[in-house]
Amino acid sequence: MTPSPGWSSAASPVYVSRIPDGHHRPLEALGVIARLHQAGRVFATTDEAIAAARERLHTTGIVPRLAG
């Protein structure tokens, strides 16, 4: 996948949930899991990860909260 023009990983944080068997070990070895844990971006469920991502979009003003 090629990032679109203007795409920045710094502006696009990663949220992780339900890491599949066999993936946790290499991610730990690379330090990815530790960095994500420190940033509060590892979640037990996908719903929790999506809620956290939405909250970040709202608090940073990228997406306004919907009334209701």
PDB file of N, CA and C in Angstrom:
ATOM      1  N   MET A   1       0.843  -1.178   0.000  1.00  0.00           N
ATOM      2  CA  MET A   1       0.000   0.000   0.000  1.00  0.00           C
ATOM      3  C   MET A   1       0.882   1.233   0.000  1.00  0.00           C
ATOM      4  N   THR A   2       0.634   2.141  -0.888  1.00  0.00           N
ATOM      5  CA  THR A   2       1.388   3.384  -0.958  1.00  0.00           C
ATOM      6  C   THR A   2       0.588   4.485  -0.278  1.00  0.00           C
ATOM      7  N   PRO A   3       1.210   5.202   0.675  1.00  0.00           N
ATOM      8  CA  PRO A   3       0.485   6.292   1.334  1.00  0.00           C
ATOM      9  C   PRO A   3       0.078   7.363   0.333  1.00  0.00           C
ATOM     10  N   SER A   4      -1.055   7.970   0.573  1.00  0.00           N
ATOM     11  CA  SER A   4      -1.504   9.050  -0.299  1.00  0.00           C
ATOM     12  C   SER A   4      -0.672  10.297  -0.027  1.00  0.00           C
ATOM     13  N   PRO A   5      -0.594  11.217  -0.976  1.00  0.00           N
ATOM     14  CA  PRO A   5       0.157  12.456  -0.744  1.00  0.00           C
ATOM     15  C   PRO A   5      -0.365  13.172   0.496  1.00  0.00           C
ATOM     16  N   GLY A   6       0.538  13.671   1.295  1.00  0.00           N
ATOM     17  CA  GLY A   6       0.147  14.378   2.505  1.00  0.00           C
ATOM     18  C   GLY A   6      -0.033  13.471   3.697  1.00  0.00           C
ATOM     19  N   TRP A   7       0.073  12.159   3.492  1.00  0.00           N
ATOM     20  CA  TRP A   7      -0.072  11.205   4.588  1.00  0.00           C
ATOM     21  C   TRP A   7       1.142  11.271   5.481  1.00  0.00           C
ATOM     22  N   SER A   8       0.911  11.232   6.781  1.00  0.00           N
ATOM     23  CA  SER A   8       2.002  11.276   7.751  1.00  0.00           C
ATOM     24  C   SER A   8       1.727  10.304   8.867  1.00  0.00           C
ATOM     25  N   SER A   9       2.680   9.422   9.161  1.00  0.00           N
ATOM     26  CA  SER A   9       2.475   8.473  10.248  1.00  0.00           C
ATOM     27  C   SER A   9       2.381   9.189  11.584  1.00  0.00           C
ATOM     28  N   ALA A  10       3.018  10.344  11.722  1.00  0.00           N
ATOM     29  CA  ALA A  10       2.948  11.101  12.974  1.00  0.00           C
ATOM     30  C   ALA A  10       1.526  11.595  13.221  1.00  0.00           C
ATOM     31  N   ALA A  11       0.804  11.903  12.162  1.00  0.00           N
ATOM     32  CA  ALA A  11      -0.562  12.397  12.290  1.00  0.00           C
ATOM     33  C   ALA A  11      -1.574  11.255  12.278  1.00  0.00           C
ATOM     34  N   SER A  12      -1.104  10.035  12.080  1.00  0.00           N
ATOM     35  CA  SER A  12      -1.988   8.882  11.980  1.00  0.00           C
ATOM     36  C   SER A  12      -1.578   7.824  12.999  1.00  0.00           C
ATOM     37  N   PRO A  13      -1.960   8.009  14.254  1.00  0.00           N
ATOM     38  CA  PRO A  13      -1.554   7.042  15.270  1.00  0.00           C
ATOM     39  C   PRO A  13      -2.176   5.669  15.032  1.00  0.00           C
ATOM     40  N   VAL A  14      -1.492   4.661  15.500  1.00  0.00           N
ATOM     41  CA  VAL A  14      -1.944   3.284  15.360  1.00  0.00           C
ATOM     42  C   VAL A  14      -2.612   2.838  16.655  1.00  0.00           C
ATOM     43  N   TYR A  15      -3.753   2.190  16.530  1.00  0.00           N
ATOM     44  CA  TYR A  15      -4.469   1.597  17.652  1.00  0.00           C
ATOM     45  C   TYR A  15      -4.543   0.104  17.380  1.00  0.00           C
ATOM     46  N   VAL A  16      -4.255  -0.720  18.401  1.00  0.00           N
ATOM     47  CA  VAL A  16      -4.179  -2.162  18.208  1.00  0.00           C
ATOM     48  C   VAL A  16      -5.140  -2.877  19.144  1.00  0.00           C
ATOM     49  N   SER A  17      -5.781  -3.908  18.613  1.00  0.00           N
ATOM     50  CA  SER A  17      -6.617  -4.779  19.436  1.00  0.00           C
ATOM     51  C   SER A  17      -6.499  -6.196  18.894  1.00  0.00           C
ATOM     52  N   ARG A  18      -6.683  -7.140  19.782  1.00  0.00           N
ATOM     53  CA  ARG A  18      -6.740  -8.551  19.400  1.00  0.00           C
ATOM     54  C   ARG A  18      -5.610  -8.961  18.464  1.00  0.00           C
ATOM     55  N   ILE A  19      -4.398  -8.870  18.930  1.00  0.00           N
ATOM     56  CA  ILE A  19      -3.238  -9.252  18.123  1.00  0.00           C
ATOM     57  C   ILE A  19      -3.295 -10.763  17.883  1.00  0.00           C
ATOM     58  N   PRO A  20      -3.255 -11.195  16.622  1.00  0.00           N
ATOM     59  CA  PRO A  20      -3.369 -12.621  16.311  1.00  0.00           C
ATOM     60  C   PRO A  20      -2.194 -13.430  16.867  1.00  0.00           C
ATOM     61  N   ASP A  21      -2.466 -14.703  17.154  1.00  0.00           N
ATOM     62  CA  ASP A  21      -1.408 -15.613  17.578  1.00  0.00           C
ATOM     63  C   ASP A  21      -0.282 -15.586  16.545  1.00  0.00           C
ATOM     64  N   GLY A  22       0.924 -15.565  17.033  1.00  0.00           N
ATOM     65  CA  GLY A  22       2.069 -15.567  16.135  1.00  0.00           C
ATOM     66  C   GLY A  22       2.558 -14.183  15.759  1.00  0.00           C
ATOM     67  N   HIS A  23       1.781 -13.166  16.017  1.00  0.00           N
ATOM     68  CA  HIS A  23       2.181 -11.796  15.677  1.00  0.00           C
ATOM     69  C   HIS A  23       2.750 -11.046  16.875  1.00  0.00           C
ATOM     70  N   HIS A  24       2.348 -11.461  18.067  1.00  0.00           N
ATOM     71  CA  HIS A  24       2.753 -10.741  19.276  1.00  0.00           C
ATOM     72  C   HIS A  24       4.267 -10.778  19.475  1.00  0.00           C
ATOM     73  N   ARG A  25       4.859 -11.935  19.281  1.00  0.00           N
ATOM     74  CA  ARG A  25       6.301 -12.090  19.521  1.00  0.00           C
ATOM     75  C   ARG A  25       7.162 -11.190  18.628  1.00  0.00           C
ATOM     76  N   PRO A  26       6.959 -11.174  17.313  1.00  0.00           N
ATOM     77  CA  PRO A  26       7.769 -10.282  16.480  1.00  0.00           C
ATOM     78  C   PRO A  26       7.528  -8.799  16.791  1.00  0.00           C
ATOM     79  N   LEU A  27       6.287  -8.440  17.091  1.00  0.00           N
ATOM     80  CA  LEU A  27       5.995  -7.049  17.431  1.00  0.00           C
ATOM     81  C   LEU A  27       6.679  -6.657  18.735  1.00  0.00           C
ATOM     82  N   GLU A  28       6.731  -7.578  19.694  1.00  0.00           N
ATOM     83  CA  GLU A  28       7.456  -7.328  20.950  1.00  0.00           C
ATOM     84  C   GLU A  28       8.941  -7.167  20.671  1.00  0.00           C
ATOM     85  N   ALA A  29       9.501  -8.042  19.845  1.00  0.00           N
ATOM     86  CA  ALA A  29      10.930  -8.008  19.532  1.00  0.00           C
ATOM     87  C   ALA A  29      11.333  -6.681  18.881  1.00  0.00           C
ATOM     88  N   LEU A  30      10.441  -6.115  18.107  1.00  0.00           N
ATOM     89  CA  LEU A  30      10.715  -4.837  17.437  1.00  0.00           C
ATOM     90  C   LEU A  30      10.420  -3.635  18.325  1.00  0.00           C
ATOM     91  N   GLY A  31       9.859  -3.874  19.497  1.00  0.00           N
ATOM     92  CA  GLY A  31       9.534  -2.787  20.414  1.00  0.00           C
ATOM     93  C   GLY A  31       8.231  -2.085  20.100  1.00  0.00           C
ATOM     94  N   VAL A  32       7.495  -2.606  19.145  1.00  0.00           N
ATOM     95  CA  VAL A  32       6.245  -1.971  18.717  1.00  0.00           C
ATOM     96  C   VAL A  32       5.205  -2.001  19.836  1.00  0.00           C
ATOM     97  N   ILE A  33       5.041  -3.164  20.459  1.00  0.00           N
ATOM     98  CA  ILE A  33       4.026  -3.312  21.499  1.00  0.00           C
ATOM     99  C   ILE A  33       4.327  -2.396  22.684  1.00  0.00           C
ATOM    100  N   ALA A  34       5.578  -2.328  23.086  1.00  0.00           N
ATOM    101  CA  ALA A  34       5.943  -1.471  24.229  1.00  0.00           C
ATOM    102  C   ALA A  34       5.609  -0.011  23.937  1.00  0.00           C
ATOM    103  N   ARG A  35       5.922   0.457  22.733  1.00  0.00           N
ATOM    104  CA  ARG A  35       5.625   1.857  22.374  1.00  0.00           C
ATOM    105  C   ARG A  35       4.124   2.112  22.333  1.00  0.00           C
ATOM    106  N   LEU A  36       3.376   1.157  21.803  1.00  0.00           N
ATOM    107  CA  LEU A  36       1.922   1.315  21.744  1.00  0.00           C
ATOM    108  C   LEU A  36       1.306   1.272  23.138  1.00  0.00           C
ATOM    109  N   HIS A  37       1.825   0.394  24.001  1.00  0.00           N
ATOM    110  CA  HIS A  37       1.332   0.354  25.387  1.00  0.00           C
ATOM    111  C   HIS A  37       1.609   1.677  26.091  1.00  0.00           C
ATOM    112  N   GLN A  38       2.808   2.212  25.916  1.00  0.00           N
ATOM    113  CA  GLN A  38       3.165   3.488  26.548  1.00  0.00           C
ATOM    114  C   GLN A  38       2.246   4.606  26.083  1.00  0.00           C
ATOM    115  N   ALA A  39       1.835   4.548  24.846  1.00  0.00           N
ATOM    116  CA  ALA A  39       0.961   5.576  24.281  1.00  0.00           C
ATOM    117  C   ALA A  39      -0.514   5.314  24.588  1.00  0.00           C
ATOM    118  N   GLY A  40      -0.803   4.182  25.254  1.00  0.00           N
ATOM    119  CA  GLY A  40      -2.201   3.853  25.569  1.00  0.00           C
ATOM    120  C   GLY A  40      -3.004   3.435  24.369  1.00  0.00           C
ATOM    121  N   ARG A  41      -2.355   2.735  23.436  1.00  0.00           N
ATOM    122  CA  ARG A  41      -3.032   2.389  22.188  1.00  0.00           C
ATOM    123  C   ARG A  41      -3.171   0.891  21.951  1.00  0.00           C
ATOM    124  N   VAL A  42      -3.127   0.105  23.008  1.00  0.00           N
ATOM    125  CA  VAL A  42      -3.365  -1.334  22.899  1.00  0.00           C
ATOM    126  C   VAL A  42      -4.646  -1.647  23.662  1.00  0.00           C
ATOM    127  N   PHE A  43      -5.581  -2.323  23.002  1.00  0.00           N
ATOM    128  CA  PHE A  43      -6.900  -2.565  23.572  1.00  0.00           C
ATOM    129  C   PHE A  43      -7.280  -4.033  23.473  1.00  0.00           C
ATOM    130  N   ALA A  44      -8.117  -4.475  24.389  1.00  0.00           N
ATOM    131  CA  ALA A  44      -8.567  -5.867  24.415  1.00  0.00           C
ATOM    132  C   ALA A  44      -9.536  -6.157  23.277  1.00  0.00           C
ATOM    133  N   THR A  45     -10.328  -5.149  22.895  1.00  0.00           N
ATOM    134  CA  THR A  45     -11.332  -5.373  21.850  1.00  0.00           C
ATOM    135  C   THR A  45     -11.222  -4.304  20.762  1.00  0.00           C
ATOM    136  N   THR A  46     -11.712  -4.656  19.604  1.00  0.00           N
ATOM    137  CA  THR A  46     -11.728  -3.713  18.490  1.00  0.00           C
ATOM    138  C   THR A  46     -12.644  -2.530  18.793  1.00  0.00           C
ATOM    139  N   ASP A  47     -13.768  -2.800  19.454  1.00  0.00           N
ATOM    140  CA  ASP A  47     -14.687  -1.711  19.809  1.00  0.00           C
ATOM    141  C   ASP A  47     -13.991  -0.668  20.684  1.00  0.00           C
ATOM    142  N   GLU A  48     -13.168  -1.126  21.638  1.00  0.00           N
ATOM    143  CA  GLU A  48     -12.426  -0.190  22.497  1.00  0.00           C
ATOM    144  C   GLU A  48     -11.424   0.624  21.687  1.00  0.00           C
ATOM    145  N   ALA A  49     -10.745  -0.019  20.748  1.00  0.00           N
ATOM    146  CA  ALA A  49      -9.770   0.683  19.910  1.00  0.00           C
ATOM    147  C   ALA A  49     -10.454   1.735  19.036  1.00  0.00           C
ATOM    148  N   ILE A  50     -11.585   1.377  18.469  1.00  0.00           N
ATOM    149  CA  ILE A  50     -12.329   2.327  17.625  1.00  0.00           C
ATOM    150  C   ILE A  50     -12.831   3.497  18.455  1.00  0.00           C
ATOM    151  N   ALA A  51     -13.333   3.226  19.646  1.00  0.00           N
ATOM    152  CA  ALA A  51     -13.804   4.303  20.521  1.00  0.00           C
ATOM    153  C   ALA A  51     -12.661   5.257  20.871  1.00  0.00           C
ATOM    154  N   ALA A  52     -11.484   4.723  21.159  1.00  0.00           N
ATOM    155  CA  ALA A  52     -10.330   5.570  21.485  1.00  0.00           C
ATOM    156  C   ALA A  52      -9.906   6.402  20.285  1.00  0.00           C
ATOM    157  N   ALA A  53      -9.915   5.801  19.112  1.00  0.00           N
ATOM    158  CA  ALA A  53      -9.551   6.540  17.899  1.00  0.00           C
ATOM    159  C   ALA A  53     -10.553   7.660  17.620  1.00  0.00           C
ATOM    160  N   ARG A  54     -11.827   7.363  17.781  1.00  0.00           N
ATOM    161  CA  ARG A  54     -12.859   8.401  17.585  1.00  0.00           C
ATOM    162  C   ARG A  54     -12.688   9.538  18.585  1.00  0.00           C
ATOM    163  N   GLU A  55     -12.409   9.173  19.836  1.00  0.00           N
ATOM    164  CA  GLU A  55     -12.215  10.201  20.865  1.00  0.00           C
ATOM    165  C   GLU A  55     -11.044  11.105  20.502  1.00  0.00           C
ATOM    166  N   ARG A  56      -9.965  10.530  19.993  1.00  0.00           N
ATOM    167  CA  ARG A  56      -8.816  11.342  19.588  1.00  0.00           C
ATOM    168  C   ARG A  56      -9.198  12.290  18.451  1.00  0.00           C
ATOM    169  N   LEU A  57      -9.957  11.794  17.490  1.00  0.00           N
ATOM    170  CA  LEU A  57     -10.405  12.646  16.390  1.00  0.00           C
ATOM    171  C   LEU A  57     -11.246  13.806  16.901  1.00  0.00           C
ATOM    172  N   HIS A  58     -12.077  13.541  17.902  1.00  0.00           N
ATOM    173  CA  HIS A  58     -12.913  14.600  18.476  1.00  0.00           C
ATOM    174  C   HIS A  58     -12.079  15.594  19.280  1.00  0.00           C
ATOM    175  N   THR A  59     -11.204  15.091  20.133  1.00  0.00           N
ATOM    176  CA  THR A  59     -10.441  15.989  21.015  1.00  0.00           C
ATOM    177  C   THR A  59      -9.409  16.813  20.260  1.00  0.00           C
ATOM    178  N   THR A  60      -8.963  16.327  19.111  1.00  0.00           N
ATOM    179  CA  THR A  60      -8.012  17.102  18.311  1.00  0.00           C
ATOM    180  C   THR A  60      -8.718  18.033  17.329  1.00  0.00           C
ATOM    181  N   GLY A  61     -10.044  17.931  17.250  1.00  0.00           N
ATOM    182  CA  GLY A  61     -10.804  18.814  16.370  1.00  0.00           C
ATOM    183  C   GLY A  61     -10.829  18.366  14.917  1.00  0.00           C
ATOM    184  N   ILE A  62     -10.343  17.170  14.651  1.00  0.00           N
ATOM    185  CA  ILE A  62     -10.343  16.677  13.262  1.00  0.00           C
ATOM    186  C   ILE A  62     -11.768  16.357  12.826  1.00  0.00           C
ATOM    187  N   VAL A  63     -12.545  15.781  13.746  1.00  0.00           N
ATOM    188  CA  VAL A  63     -13.941  15.443  13.468  1.00  0.00           C
ATOM    189  C   VAL A  63     -14.788  16.017  14.602  1.00  0.00           C
ATOM    190  N   PRO A  64     -15.781  16.834  14.261  1.00  0.00           N
ATOM    191  CA  PRO A  64     -16.632  17.381  15.319  1.00  0.00           C
ATOM    192  C   PRO A  64     -17.540  16.306  15.908  1.00  0.00           C
ATOM    193  N   ARG A  65     -17.911  16.505  17.156  1.00  0.00           N
ATOM    194  CA  ARG A  65     -18.871  15.592  17.794  1.00  0.00           C
ATOM    195  C   ARG A  65     -20.247  15.834  17.195  1.00  0.00           C
ATOM    196  N   LEU A  66     -20.984  14.774  17.018  1.00  0.00           N
ATOM    197  CA  LEU A  66     -22.342  14.901  16.510  1.00  0.00           C
ATOM    198  C   LEU A  66     -23.279  15.204  17.663  1.00  0.00           C
ATOM    199  N   ALA A  67     -24.205  16.082  17.420  1.00  0.00           N
ATOM    200  CA  ALA A  67     -25.197  16.422  18.442  1.00  0.00           C
ATOM    201  C   ALA A  67     -26.142  15.243  18.609  1.00  0.00           C
ATOM    202  N   GLY A  68     -26.556  15.004  19.842  1.00  0.00           N
ATOM    203  CA  GLY A  68     -27.548  13.969  20.032  1.00  0.00           C
ATOM    204  C   GLY A  68     -27.178  13.045  21.037  1.00  0.00           C
TER     205      GLY A  68
END
